[in-house]
Amino acid sequence: MLPEEEKFLTPDILQASAMIGTRDDLIERLAVLATADLDQVMILPNFDTRFDVLERVAADIIPNV
């Protein structure tokens, strides 16, 4: 993100366009979406942390939804 774009990235925009929060926050949001028949989620972690993020989601989030 460019510095001049940062002012447009408000908490409301982040909440509407991304899943950000604690483990429990994410589990709760995914559970609500699952009741609306959501059956796929796209995960786009930063390149450098992608394997760690995917492993954490697989271990900590998915089994609890």
PDB file of N, CA and C in Angstrom:
ATOM      1  N   MET A   1       0.835  -1.155   0.000  1.00  0.00           N
ATOM      2  CA  MET A   1       0.000   0.000   0.000  1.00  0.00           C
ATOM      3  C   MET A   1       0.893   1.236   0.000  1.00  0.00           C
ATOM      4  N   LEU A   2       0.476   2.194  -0.747  1.00  0.00           N
ATOM      5  CA  LEU A   2       1.199   3.458  -0.794  1.00  0.00           C
ATOM      6  C   LEU A   2       0.794   4.324   0.393  1.00  0.00           C
ATOM      7  N   PRO A   3       1.715   5.107   0.927  1.00  0.00           N
ATOM      8  CA  PRO A   3       1.378   5.939   2.082  1.00  0.00           C
ATOM      9  C   PRO A   3       0.149   6.823   1.865  1.00  0.00           C
ATOM     10  N   GLU A   4      -0.015   7.358   0.680  1.00  0.00           N
ATOM     11  CA  GLU A   4      -1.162   8.229   0.423  1.00  0.00           C
ATOM     12  C   GLU A   4      -2.490   7.451   0.360  1.00  0.00           C
ATOM     13  N   GLU A   5      -2.425   6.136   0.250  1.00  0.00           N
ATOM     14  CA  GLU A   5      -3.636   5.311   0.243  1.00  0.00           C
ATOM     15  C   GLU A   5      -4.082   4.921   1.655  1.00  0.00           C
ATOM     16  N   GLU A   6      -3.184   5.031   2.594  1.00  0.00           N
ATOM     17  CA  GLU A   6      -3.446   4.571   3.951  1.00  0.00           C
ATOM     18  C   GLU A   6      -4.664   5.241   4.581  1.00  0.00           C
ATOM     19  N   LYS A   7      -4.907   6.506   4.265  1.00  0.00           N
ATOM     20  CA  LYS A   7      -6.033   7.222   4.864  1.00  0.00           C
ATOM     21  C   LYS A   7      -7.383   6.622   4.465  1.00  0.00           C
ATOM     22  N   PHE A   8      -7.423   5.870   3.365  1.00  0.00           N
ATOM     23  CA  PHE A   8      -8.663   5.254   2.914  1.00  0.00           C
ATOM     24  C   PHE A   8      -8.922   3.896   3.573  1.00  0.00           C
ATOM     25  N   LEU A   9      -7.932   3.369   4.252  1.00  0.00           N
ATOM     26  CA  LEU A   9      -8.040   2.052   4.863  1.00  0.00           C
ATOM     27  C   LEU A   9      -8.531   2.197   6.303  1.00  0.00           C
ATOM     28  N   THR A  10      -9.810   2.456   6.447  1.00  0.00           N
ATOM     29  CA  THR A  10     -10.417   2.674   7.761  1.00  0.00           C
ATOM     30  C   THR A  10     -10.766   1.336   8.406  1.00  0.00           C
ATOM     31  N   PRO A  11     -10.998   1.320   9.712  1.00  0.00           N
ATOM     32  CA  PRO A  11     -11.436   0.074  10.357  1.00  0.00           C
ATOM     33  C   PRO A  11     -12.702  -0.514   9.730  1.00  0.00           C
ATOM     34  N   ASP A  12     -13.642   0.339   9.337  1.00  0.00           N
ATOM     35  CA  ASP A  12     -14.871  -0.156   8.706  1.00  0.00           C
ATOM     36  C   ASP A  12     -14.579  -0.838   7.370  1.00  0.00           C
ATOM     37  N   ILE A  13     -13.700  -0.246   6.597  1.00  0.00           N
ATOM     38  CA  ILE A  13     -13.327  -0.853   5.306  1.00  0.00           C
ATOM     39  C   ILE A  13     -12.631  -2.184   5.526  1.00  0.00           C
ATOM     40  N   LEU A  14     -11.731  -2.228   6.495  1.00  0.00           N
ATOM     41  CA  LEU A  14     -11.025  -3.480   6.783  1.00  0.00           C
ATOM     42  C   LEU A  14     -11.995  -4.575   7.215  1.00  0.00           C
ATOM     43  N   GLN A  15     -12.928  -4.257   8.105  1.00  0.00           N
ATOM     44  CA  GLN A  15     -13.885  -5.250   8.578  1.00  0.00           C
ATOM     45  C   GLN A  15     -14.803  -5.736   7.463  1.00  0.00           C
ATOM     46  N   ALA A  16     -15.142  -4.851   6.534  1.00  0.00           N
ATOM     47  CA  ALA A  16     -16.041  -5.227   5.439  1.00  0.00           C
ATOM     48  C   ALA A  16     -15.352  -6.032   4.352  1.00  0.00           C
ATOM     49  N   SER A  17     -14.041  -5.895   4.229  1.00  0.00           N
ATOM     50  CA  SER A  17     -13.363  -6.506   3.099  1.00  0.00           C
ATOM     51  C   SER A  17     -12.357  -7.594   3.475  1.00  0.00           C
ATOM     52  N   ALA A  18     -12.140  -7.787   4.771  1.00  0.00           N
ATOM     53  CA  ALA A  18     -11.144  -8.773   5.202  1.00  0.00           C
ATOM     54  C   ALA A  18     -11.597  -9.409   6.511  1.00  0.00           C
ATOM     55  N   MET A  19     -11.025 -10.548   6.812  1.00  0.00           N
ATOM     56  CA  MET A  19     -11.288 -11.187   8.098  1.00  0.00           C
ATOM     57  C   MET A  19     -10.064 -10.972   8.969  1.00  0.00           C
ATOM     58  N   ILE A  20     -10.208 -10.061   9.899  1.00  0.00           N
ATOM     59  CA  ILE A  20      -9.109  -9.682  10.778  1.00  0.00           C
ATOM     60  C   ILE A  20      -9.595  -9.812  12.210  1.00  0.00           C
ATOM     61  N   GLY A  21      -8.814 -10.437  13.050  1.00  0.00           N
ATOM     62  CA  GLY A  21      -9.203 -10.549  14.452  1.00  0.00           C
ATOM     63  C   GLY A  21      -8.472 -11.684  15.125  1.00  0.00           C
ATOM     64  N   THR A  22      -8.940 -11.980  16.319  1.00  0.00           N
ATOM     65  CA  THR A  22      -8.356 -13.084  17.074  1.00  0.00           C
ATOM     66  C   THR A  22      -8.835 -14.403  16.499  1.00  0.00           C
ATOM     67  N   ARG A  23      -8.246 -15.452  16.965  1.00  0.00           N
ATOM     68  CA  ARG A  23      -8.656 -16.799  16.560  1.00  0.00           C
ATOM     69  C   ARG A  23     -10.150 -16.979  16.782  1.00  0.00           C
ATOM     70  N   ASP A  24     -10.622 -16.603  17.969  1.00  0.00           N
ATOM     71  CA  ASP A  24     -12.042 -16.758  18.282  1.00  0.00           C
ATOM     72  C   ASP A  24     -12.927 -15.865  17.413  1.00  0.00           C
ATOM     73  N   ASP A  25     -12.460 -14.658  17.106  1.00  0.00           N
ATOM     74  CA  ASP A  25     -13.210 -13.764  16.202  1.00  0.00           C
ATOM     75  C   ASP A  25     -13.393 -14.419  14.840  1.00  0.00           C
ATOM     76  N   LEU A  26     -12.324 -14.989  14.317  1.00  0.00           N
ATOM     77  CA  LEU A  26     -12.381 -15.607  12.992  1.00  0.00           C
ATOM     78  C   LEU A  26     -13.271 -16.840  12.986  1.00  0.00           C
ATOM     79  N   ILE A  27     -13.177 -17.636  14.025  1.00  0.00           N
ATOM     80  CA  ILE A  27     -14.026 -18.830  14.124  1.00  0.00           C
ATOM     81  C   ILE A  27     -15.494 -18.413  14.157  1.00  0.00           C
ATOM     82  N   GLU A  28     -15.815 -17.398  14.931  1.00  0.00           N
ATOM     83  CA  GLU A  28     -17.193 -16.922  15.031  1.00  0.00           C
ATOM     84  C   GLU A  28     -17.706 -16.400  13.683  1.00  0.00           C
ATOM     85  N   ARG A  29     -16.904 -15.588  13.014  1.00  0.00           N
ATOM     86  CA  ARG A  29     -17.328 -15.041  11.717  1.00  0.00           C
ATOM     87  C   ARG A  29     -17.510 -16.135  10.679  1.00  0.00           C
ATOM     88  N   LEU A  30     -16.599 -17.101  10.650  1.00  0.00           N
ATOM     89  CA  LEU A  30     -16.725 -18.198   9.699  1.00  0.00           C
ATOM     90  C   LEU A  30     -17.940 -19.075  10.002  1.00  0.00           C
ATOM     91  N   ALA A  31     -18.235 -19.279  11.279  1.00  0.00           N
ATOM     92  CA  ALA A  31     -19.406 -20.070  11.658  1.00  0.00           C
ATOM     93  C   ALA A  31     -20.686 -19.379  11.203  1.00  0.00           C
ATOM     94  N   VAL A  32     -20.748 -18.074  11.356  1.00  0.00           N
ATOM     95  CA  VAL A  32     -21.920 -17.325  10.889  1.00  0.00           C
ATOM     96  C   VAL A  32     -22.044 -17.433   9.374  1.00  0.00           C
ATOM     97  N   LEU A  33     -20.946 -17.283   8.677  1.00  0.00           N
ATOM     98  CA  LEU A  33     -20.977 -17.395   7.223  1.00  0.00           C
ATOM     99  C   LEU A  33     -21.343 -18.811   6.768  1.00  0.00           C
ATOM    100  N   ALA A  34     -20.930 -19.807   7.525  1.00  0.00           N
ATOM    101  CA  ALA A  34     -21.266 -21.191   7.183  1.00  0.00           C
ATOM    102  C   ALA A  34     -22.772 -21.419   7.266  1.00  0.00           C
ATOM    103  N   THR A  35     -23.442 -20.758   8.188  1.00  0.00           N
ATOM    104  CA  THR A  35     -24.900 -20.902   8.287  1.00  0.00           C
ATOM    105  C   THR A  35     -25.596 -20.276   7.082  1.00  0.00           C
ATOM    106  N   ALA A  36     -24.898 -19.404   6.378  1.00  0.00           N
ATOM    107  CA  ALA A  36     -25.433 -18.798   5.156  1.00  0.00           C
ATOM    108  C   ALA A  36     -24.956 -19.570   3.921  1.00  0.00           C
ATOM    109  N   ASP A  37     -24.518 -20.814   4.143  1.00  0.00           N
ATOM    110  CA  ASP A  37     -24.077 -21.726   3.074  1.00  0.00           C
ATOM    111  C   ASP A  37     -22.759 -21.347   2.423  1.00  0.00           C
ATOM    112  N   LEU A  38     -21.929 -20.584   3.090  1.00  0.00           N
ATOM    113  CA  LEU A  38     -20.579 -20.342   2.580  1.00  0.00           C
ATOM    114  C   LEU A  38     -19.821 -21.661   2.637  1.00  0.00           C
ATOM    115  N   ASP A  39     -19.195 -22.028   1.545  1.00  0.00           N
ATOM    116  CA  ASP A  39     -18.439 -23.278   1.563  1.00  0.00           C
ATOM    117  C   ASP A  39     -17.009 -23.123   1.044  1.00  0.00           C
ATOM    118  N   GLN A  40     -16.592 -21.886   0.799  1.00  0.00           N
ATOM    119  CA  GLN A  40     -15.217 -21.650   0.383  1.00  0.00           C
ATOM    120  C   GLN A  40     -14.716 -20.332   0.967  1.00  0.00           C
ATOM    121  N   VAL A  41     -13.437 -20.312   1.280  1.00  0.00           N
ATOM    122  CA  VAL A  41     -12.787 -19.094   1.771  1.00  0.00           C
ATOM    123  C   VAL A  41     -11.460 -18.966   1.034  1.00  0.00           C
ATOM    124  N   MET A  42     -11.139 -17.767   0.621  1.00  0.00           N
ATOM    125  CA  MET A  42      -9.854 -17.531  -0.031  1.00  0.00           C
ATOM    126  C   MET A  42      -8.914 -16.898   0.993  1.00  0.00           C
ATOM    127  N   ILE A  43      -7.752 -17.465   1.123  1.00  0.00           N
ATOM    128  CA  ILE A  43      -6.751 -16.949   2.060  1.00  0.00           C
ATOM    129  C   ILE A  43      -5.587 -16.411   1.241  1.00  0.00           C
ATOM    130  N   LEU A  44      -5.283 -15.147   1.442  1.00  0.00           N
ATOM    131  CA  LEU A  44      -4.191 -14.501   0.702  1.00  0.00           C
ATOM    132  C   LEU A  44      -3.186 -13.880   1.678  1.00  0.00           C
ATOM    133  N   PRO A  45      -2.375 -14.703   2.305  1.00  0.00           N
ATOM    134  CA  PRO A  45      -1.376 -14.165   3.237  1.00  0.00           C
ATOM    135  C   PRO A  45      -0.218 -13.505   2.490  1.00  0.00           C
ATOM    136  N   ASN A  46       0.549 -12.740   3.234  1.00  0.00           N
ATOM    137  CA  ASN A  46       1.775 -12.177   2.661  1.00  0.00           C
ATOM    138  C   ASN A  46       2.665 -13.316   2.174  1.00  0.00           C
ATOM    139  N   PHE A  47       3.405 -13.061   1.138  1.00  0.00           N
ATOM    140  CA  PHE A  47       4.234 -14.101   0.533  1.00  0.00           C
ATOM    141  C   PHE A  47       5.195 -14.725   1.543  1.00  0.00           C
ATOM    142  N   ASP A  48       5.875 -13.896   2.325  1.00  0.00           N
ATOM    143  CA  ASP A  48       6.897 -14.404   3.246  1.00  0.00           C
ATOM    144  C   ASP A  48       6.322 -15.266   4.363  1.00  0.00           C
ATOM    145  N   THR A  49       5.077 -15.026   4.757  1.00  0.00           N
ATOM    146  CA  THR A  49       4.492 -15.750   5.887  1.00  0.00           C
ATOM    147  C   THR A  49       3.446 -16.768   5.455  1.00  0.00           C
ATOM    148  N   ARG A  50       3.315 -17.008   4.176  1.00  0.00           N
ATOM    149  CA  ARG A  50       2.202 -17.801   3.663  1.00  0.00           C
ATOM    150  C   ARG A  50       2.117 -19.201   4.258  1.00  0.00           C
ATOM    151  N   PHE A  51       3.235 -19.889   4.402  1.00  0.00           N
ATOM    152  CA  PHE A  51       3.183 -21.250   4.932  1.00  0.00           C
ATOM    153  C   PHE A  51       2.787 -21.256   6.406  1.00  0.00           C
ATOM    154  N   ASP A  52       3.335 -20.354   7.184  1.00  0.00           N
ATOM    155  CA  ASP A  52       2.973 -20.266   8.601  1.00  0.00           C
ATOM    156  C   ASP A  52       1.492 -19.939   8.770  1.00  0.00           C
ATOM    157  N   VAL A  53       1.002 -18.992   7.991  1.00  0.00           N
ATOM    158  CA  VAL A  53      -0.406 -18.601   8.079  1.00  0.00           C
ATOM    159  C   VAL A  53      -1.311 -19.775   7.715  1.00  0.00           C
ATOM    160  N   LEU A  54      -1.025 -20.444   6.625  1.00  0.00           N
ATOM    161  CA  LEU A  54      -1.863 -21.570   6.207  1.00  0.00           C
ATOM    162  C   LEU A  54      -1.835 -22.707   7.231  1.00  0.00           C
ATOM    163  N   GLU A  55      -0.683 -22.965   7.814  1.00  0.00           N
ATOM    164  CA  GLU A  55      -0.591 -23.997   8.852  1.00  0.00           C
ATOM    165  C   GLU A  55      -1.398 -23.619  10.085  1.00  0.00           C
ATOM    166  N   ARG A  56      -1.340 -22.351  10.472  1.00  0.00           N
ATOM    167  CA  ARG A  56      -2.108 -21.900  11.644  1.00  0.00           C
ATOM    168  C   ARG A  56      -3.603 -21.965  11.391  1.00  0.00           C
ATOM    169  N   VAL A  57      -4.031 -21.557  10.216  1.00  0.00           N
ATOM    170  CA  VAL A  57      -5.453 -21.624   9.878  1.00  0.00           C
ATOM    171  C   VAL A  57      -5.912 -23.082   9.883  1.00  0.00           C
ATOM    172  N   ALA A  58      -5.123 -23.960   9.296  1.00  0.00           N
ATOM    173  CA  ALA A  58      -5.476 -25.383   9.241  1.00  0.00           C
ATOM    174  C   ALA A  58      -5.544 -26.003  10.641  1.00  0.00           C
ATOM    175  N   ALA A  59      -4.658 -25.607  11.519  1.00  0.00           N
ATOM    176  CA  ALA A  59      -4.610 -26.190  12.852  1.00  0.00           C
ATOM    177  C   ALA A  59      -5.559 -25.528  13.846  1.00  0.00           C
ATOM    178  N   ASP A  60      -5.695 -24.214  13.774  1.00  0.00           N
ATOM    179  CA  ASP A  60      -6.400 -23.468  14.810  1.00  0.00           C
ATOM    180  C   ASP A  60      -7.803 -22.995  14.455  1.00  0.00           C
ATOM    181  N   ILE A  61      -8.070 -22.822  13.172  1.00  0.00           N
ATOM    182  CA  ILE A  61      -9.352 -22.240  12.764  1.00  0.00           C
ATOM    183  C   ILE A  61     -10.292 -23.303  12.182  1.00  0.00           C
ATOM    184  N   ILE A  62      -9.882 -23.950  11.131  1.00  0.00           N
ATOM    185  CA  ILE A  62     -10.757 -24.860  10.388  1.00  0.00           C
ATOM    186  C   ILE A  62     -11.383 -25.950  11.269  1.00  0.00           C
ATOM    187  N   PRO A  63     -10.625 -26.605  12.139  1.00  0.00           N
ATOM    188  CA  PRO A  63     -11.253 -27.658  12.967  1.00  0.00           C
ATOM    189  C   PRO A  63     -12.329 -27.130  13.921  1.00  0.00           C
ATOM    190  N   ASN A  64     -12.347 -25.828  14.142  1.00  0.00           N
ATOM    191  CA  ASN A  64     -13.287 -25.251  15.110  1.00  0.00           C
ATOM    192  C   ASN A  64     -14.482 -24.559  14.476  1.00  0.00           C
ATOM    193  N   VAL A  65     -14.617 -24.697  13.175  1.00  0.00           N
ATOM    194  CA  VAL A  65     -15.771 -24.061  12.496  1.00  0.00           C
ATOM    195  C   VAL A  65     -16.832 -25.131  12.273  1.00  0.00           C
TER     196      VAL A  65
END
